[in-house]
C-alpha cells in the first residue's frame, strides 16, 4: 500500500522506526532511506468563527 497523505507518510515512517528499534533487519536497512518526519504543526489550526472577537462594534 502506498501512503500519499502527509499523515500516511508519517505513520509509515514511524512504523519503520519502531520496527527497526524492535530488531527487524529489513526495517533497519530501510530507515536510512526514509525522510525525517515533519516537525511542527502539520495543519494550521484556527479558532471557530464564534470564538473570534466581533469587529462589528
N, C-alpha and C. Protein backbone atom coordinates (compact mmCIF):
# COMPACT_ATOMS: atom_id res chain seq x y z
N UNK A 1 0.85 -1.17 0.00
CA UNK A 1 0.00 0.00 0.00
C UNK A 1 0.90 1.24 0.00
N UNK A 2 0.53 2.23 -0.77
CA UNK A 2 1.33 3.44 -0.88
C UNK A 2 0.66 4.58 -0.11
N UNK A 3 1.43 5.21 0.75
CA UNK A 3 0.89 6.34 1.52
C UNK A 3 1.04 7.62 0.71
N UNK A 4 -0.05 8.34 0.52
CA UNK A 4 0.00 9.55 -0.28
C UNK A 4 -0.23 10.80 0.55
N UNK A 5 -0.83 10.68 1.71
CA UNK A 5 -1.06 11.86 2.54
C UNK A 5 0.12 12.06 3.49
N UNK A 6 0.25 13.26 3.99
CA UNK A 6 1.34 13.53 4.95
C UNK A 6 1.19 12.67 6.20
N UNK A 7 -0.06 12.50 6.64
CA UNK A 7 -0.29 11.67 7.82
C UNK A 7 0.09 10.23 7.53
N UNK A 8 -0.26 9.74 6.34
CA UNK A 8 0.11 8.38 5.96
C UNK A 8 1.61 8.18 5.92
N UNK A 9 2.32 9.15 5.35
CA UNK A 9 3.78 9.07 5.28
C UNK A 9 4.36 9.07 6.69
N UNK A 10 3.83 9.91 7.55
CA UNK A 10 4.30 9.97 8.93
C UNK A 10 4.09 8.63 9.62
N UNK A 11 2.91 8.03 9.45
CA UNK A 11 2.62 6.75 10.10
C UNK A 11 3.53 5.64 9.59
N UNK A 12 3.76 5.60 8.28
CA UNK A 12 4.64 4.57 7.71
C UNK A 12 6.06 4.76 8.21
N UNK A 13 6.52 6.01 8.27
CA UNK A 13 7.87 6.29 8.76
C UNK A 13 8.02 5.88 10.21
N UNK A 14 7.05 6.25 11.04
CA UNK A 14 7.12 5.88 12.45
C UNK A 14 7.06 4.37 12.64
N UNK A 15 6.28 3.68 11.81
CA UNK A 15 6.21 2.22 11.89
C UNK A 15 7.56 1.60 11.54
N UNK A 16 8.25 2.15 10.55
CA UNK A 16 9.55 1.63 10.17
C UNK A 16 10.57 1.85 11.29
N UNK A 17 10.57 3.03 11.91
CA UNK A 17 11.48 3.29 13.02
C UNK A 17 11.18 2.36 14.20
N UNK A 18 9.91 2.14 14.47
CA UNK A 18 9.52 1.25 15.57
C UNK A 18 9.97 -0.17 15.29
N UNK A 19 9.76 -0.64 14.06
CA UNK A 19 10.19 -2.00 13.70
C UNK A 19 11.71 -2.13 13.78
N UNK A 20 12.42 -1.10 13.35
CA UNK A 20 13.89 -1.13 13.43
C UNK A 20 14.35 -1.19 14.88
N UNK A 21 13.69 -0.41 15.74
CA UNK A 21 14.03 -0.44 17.17
C UNK A 21 13.74 -1.81 17.78
N UNK A 22 12.74 -2.52 17.24
CA UNK A 22 12.38 -3.84 17.75
C UNK A 22 13.29 -4.94 17.19
N UNK A 23 14.19 -4.56 16.27
CA UNK A 23 15.16 -5.53 15.77
C UNK A 23 14.88 -6.07 14.39
N UNK A 24 13.92 -5.53 13.67
CA UNK A 24 13.62 -6.01 12.32
C UNK A 24 14.75 -5.62 11.37
N UNK A 25 15.39 -6.62 10.74
CA UNK A 25 16.55 -6.38 9.89
C UNK A 25 16.21 -5.54 8.67
N UNK A 26 15.10 -5.85 8.00
CA UNK A 26 14.71 -5.10 6.80
C UNK A 26 14.36 -3.65 7.14
N UNK A 27 13.72 -3.44 8.29
CA UNK A 27 13.39 -2.07 8.71
C UNK A 27 14.66 -1.28 9.01
N UNK A 28 15.64 -1.93 9.65
CA UNK A 28 16.92 -1.24 9.93
C UNK A 28 17.61 -0.83 8.63
N UNK A 29 17.50 -1.64 7.59
CA UNK A 29 18.10 -1.31 6.31
C UNK A 29 17.35 -0.17 5.62
N UNK A 30 16.04 -0.08 5.85
CA UNK A 30 15.21 0.93 5.18
C UNK A 30 15.28 2.30 5.86
N UNK A 31 15.53 2.33 7.15
CA UNK A 31 15.48 3.59 7.90
C UNK A 31 16.39 4.67 7.31
N UNK A 32 17.64 4.38 6.91
CA UNK A 32 18.46 5.46 6.34
C UNK A 32 17.89 6.05 5.04
N UNK A 33 17.02 5.31 4.37
CA UNK A 33 16.45 5.78 3.12
C UNK A 33 15.22 6.66 3.32
N UNK A 34 14.69 6.67 4.54
CA UNK A 34 13.47 7.43 4.84
C UNK A 34 13.79 8.89 5.11
N UNK A 35 12.82 9.74 4.81
CA UNK A 35 12.94 11.16 5.15
C UNK A 35 12.57 11.34 6.61
N UNK A 36 13.14 12.38 7.20
CA UNK A 36 12.81 12.73 8.58
C UNK A 36 11.33 13.11 8.65
N UNK A 37 10.60 12.61 9.65
CA UNK A 37 9.20 13.02 9.78
C UNK A 37 9.11 14.54 9.95
N UNK A 38 8.07 15.16 9.40
CA UNK A 38 7.96 16.61 9.52
C UNK A 38 7.77 17.02 10.97
N UNK A 39 8.35 18.16 11.30
CA UNK A 39 8.21 18.68 12.65
C UNK A 39 7.18 19.79 12.67
N UNK A 40 6.78 20.16 13.83
CA UNK A 40 5.83 21.26 13.96
C UNK A 40 4.41 20.86 13.59
N UNK A 41 3.58 21.86 13.38
CA UNK A 41 2.18 21.63 13.07
C UNK A 41 2.02 21.16 11.64
N UNK A 42 1.28 20.06 11.46
CA UNK A 42 1.01 19.57 10.11
C UNK A 42 -0.15 20.34 9.48
N UNK A 43 -1.06 20.80 10.31
CA UNK A 43 -2.22 21.53 9.81
C UNK A 43 -2.36 22.83 10.59
N UNK A 44 -2.66 23.89 9.88
CA UNK A 44 -2.88 25.17 10.55
C UNK A 44 -4.22 25.11 11.29
N UNK A 45 -4.19 25.35 12.57
CA UNK A 45 -5.42 25.33 13.36
C UNK A 45 -5.89 26.76 13.56
N UNK A 46 -7.17 26.97 13.35
CA UNK A 46 -7.77 28.29 13.52
C UNK A 46 -8.95 28.18 14.48
N UNK A 47 -9.23 29.26 15.19
CA UNK A 47 -10.41 29.23 16.06
C UNK A 47 -11.69 29.22 15.21
N UNK A 48 -12.73 28.68 15.77
CA UNK A 48 -14.03 28.70 15.09
C UNK A 48 -14.54 30.13 15.02
N UNK A 49 -15.41 30.41 14.07
CA UNK A 49 -15.94 31.77 13.86
C UNK A 49 -16.55 32.33 15.14
N UNK A 50 -17.24 31.52 15.91
CA UNK A 50 -17.89 32.01 17.12
C UNK A 50 -16.88 32.31 18.23
N UNK A 51 -15.63 31.89 18.09
CA UNK A 51 -14.60 32.20 19.06
C UNK A 51 -13.86 33.50 18.77
N UNK A 52 -14.06 34.07 17.61
CA UNK A 52 -13.40 35.30 17.23
C UNK A 52 -14.08 36.51 17.86
N UNK A 53 -13.29 37.52 18.19
CA UNK A 53 -13.88 38.76 18.72
C UNK A 53 -14.61 39.48 17.61
N UNK A 54 -15.74 40.04 17.94
CA UNK A 54 -16.52 40.78 16.96
C UNK A 54 -15.82 42.10 16.65
N UNK A 55 -15.73 42.44 15.37
CA UNK A 55 -15.16 43.74 14.98
C UNK A 55 -16.27 44.67 14.48
N UNK A 56 -17.52 44.20 14.59
CA UNK A 56 -18.66 44.98 14.11
C UNK A 56 -18.90 46.20 14.99
N UNK A 57 -18.45 46.14 16.20
CA UNK A 57 -18.56 47.32 17.02
C UNK A 57 -19.49 47.16 18.11
